[in-house]
Amino acid sequence: THLTPVTLELGGKCPVIVDENTNIDTAAKRIIWGKCVNAGQTCIAPDYVFCHKKHKEALIERMKFHITTMYGEDVETSESYARIINKRHFERLSALLSNGTVAIGGNTN
């Protein structure tokens, strides 16, 4: 018998659940960190958020606050924000901005 150690990249979906008893500021900070570390190019980056309706607006506002706190008023000029790995992925992600409503940012370069 021969056993070879391996590491599997499972990269599935990573939902975030914000229930009505959640500390909104803490949740917002952690969601933004998880999504923005390495520009979201990690297997643990949140893909979507399920949020209790009574917290929706507050969560969005706190997420905006934490983006600005982490990366400044202009994320594009931030040295702390990672960039997308290649043009193909940049274009794929840019196309996603045409769906839904963009709460903050939305510019591409």
Protein backbone atom coordinates (compact mmCIF):
# COMPACT_ATOMS: atom_id res chain seq x y z
CA THR A 1 0.00 0.00 0.00
CA HIS A 2 1.29 3.41 -0.93
CA LEU A 3 -0.27 6.55 0.55
CA THR A 4 0.52 9.94 -0.93
CA PRO A 5 -0.44 13.07 0.99
CA VAL A 6 -2.43 15.54 -1.08
CA THR A 7 -4.09 18.88 -0.59
CA LEU A 8 -7.46 19.40 -2.22
CA GLU A 9 -8.67 22.85 -3.23
CA LEU A 10 -12.41 22.47 -2.85
CA GLY A 11 -13.26 26.10 -3.62
CA GLY A 12 -16.99 25.74 -3.16
CA LYS A 13 -19.49 28.42 -2.34
CA CYS A 14 -19.01 30.36 0.87
CA PRO A 15 -22.26 31.89 2.06
CA VAL A 16 -22.42 34.30 4.97
CA ILE A 17 -25.46 34.23 7.23
CA VAL A 18 -26.29 37.36 9.23
CA ASP A 19 -29.18 36.60 11.55
CA GLU A 20 -31.18 39.04 13.62
CA ASN A 21 -28.93 38.59 16.68
CA THR A 22 -25.66 39.32 14.90
CA ASN A 23 -23.29 42.14 15.87
CA ILE A 24 -23.56 44.04 12.58
CA ASP A 25 -20.28 45.94 12.84
CA THR A 26 -18.27 42.79 13.57
CA ALA A 27 -20.03 40.88 10.79
CA ALA A 28 -19.45 43.68 8.27
CA LYS A 29 -15.75 43.93 9.11
CA ARG A 30 -15.23 40.18 8.80
CA ILE A 31 -17.22 39.89 5.57
CA ILE A 32 -15.22 42.69 3.94
CA TRP A 33 -11.92 41.26 5.14
CA GLY A 34 -12.83 37.80 3.83
CA LYS A 35 -13.98 39.12 0.47
CA CYS A 36 -11.12 41.56 -0.06
CA VAL A 37 -8.11 39.54 1.11
CA ASN A 38 -6.16 38.89 -2.10
CA ALA A 39 -8.97 40.67 -4.02
CA GLY A 40 -11.36 37.83 -3.22
CA GLN A 41 -9.18 35.31 -5.03
CA THR A 42 -9.26 32.76 -2.22
CA CYS A 43 -11.37 29.67 -1.63
CA ILE A 44 -12.74 31.17 1.60
CA ALA A 45 -13.96 34.45 0.13
CA PRO A 46 -17.68 34.97 0.78
CA ASP A 47 -19.75 34.54 -2.38
CA TYR A 48 -23.05 35.86 -1.09
CA VAL A 49 -24.73 37.09 2.08
CA PHE A 50 -28.02 36.01 3.58
CA CYS A 51 -28.99 38.85 5.90
CA HIS A 52 -32.00 39.29 8.16
CA LYS A 53 -34.11 42.02 6.55
CA LYS A 54 -34.01 44.24 9.64
CA HIS A 55 -30.20 44.51 9.30
CA LYS A 56 -29.82 44.88 5.54
CA GLU A 57 -29.28 48.65 5.34
CA ALA A 58 -27.10 48.80 8.47
CA LEU A 59 -24.94 45.94 7.19
CA ILE A 60 -24.41 47.64 3.83
CA GLU A 61 -23.47 50.92 5.53
CA ARG A 62 -21.00 49.20 7.89
CA MET A 63 -19.49 47.27 4.97
CA LYS A 64 -18.95 50.56 3.13
CA PHE A 65 -17.34 51.99 6.26
CA HIS A 66 -14.94 49.06 6.60
CA ILE A 67 -13.95 49.15 2.92
CA THR A 68 -13.06 52.83 3.30
CA THR A 69 -11.26 52.17 6.59
CA MET A 70 -9.18 49.36 5.09
CA TYR A 71 -8.44 50.86 1.68
CA GLY A 72 -9.11 54.60 1.86
CA GLU A 73 -11.53 56.74 -0.11
CA ASP A 74 -10.06 55.56 -3.44
CA VAL A 75 -9.53 51.78 -3.43
CA GLU A 76 -7.94 52.01 -6.89
CA THR A 77 -4.94 53.89 -5.48
CA SER A 78 -4.61 51.77 -2.34
CA GLU A 79 -1.34 49.88 -2.02
CA SER A 80 -3.08 47.52 0.40
CA TYR A 81 -5.67 46.23 -2.06
CA ALA A 82 -4.57 43.30 -4.23
CA ARG A 83 -5.20 43.22 -7.97
CA ILE A 84 -6.93 40.61 -10.12
CA ILE A 85 -4.53 37.97 -11.38
CA ASN A 86 -5.07 38.32 -15.14
CA LYS A 87 -7.05 40.11 -17.84
CA ARG A 88 -9.46 37.23 -18.46
CA HIS A 89 -10.57 37.15 -14.83
CA PHE A 90 -10.68 40.95 -14.67
CA GLU A 91 -13.08 41.02 -17.65
CA ARG A 92 -15.20 38.20 -16.21
CA LEU A 93 -15.56 40.05 -12.90
CA SER A 94 -16.17 43.40 -14.58
CA ALA A 95 -19.09 41.87 -16.50
CA LEU A 96 -20.71 40.81 -13.21
CA LEU A 97 -21.15 44.47 -12.26
CA SER A 98 -23.95 44.81 -14.81
CA ASN A 99 -26.16 42.50 -12.69
CA GLY A 100 -27.79 43.75 -9.51
CA THR A 101 -27.12 46.99 -7.69
CA VAL A 102 -23.61 48.16 -6.82
CA ALA A 103 -23.57 49.65 -3.30
CA ILE A 104 -20.03 51.07 -3.38
CA GLY A 105 -17.38 51.41 -6.06
CA GLY A 106 -18.22 49.68 -9.30
CA ASN A 107 -15.46 51.33 -11.34
CA THR A 108 -13.04 49.15 -13.26
CA ASN A 109 -9.53 49.86 -14.43
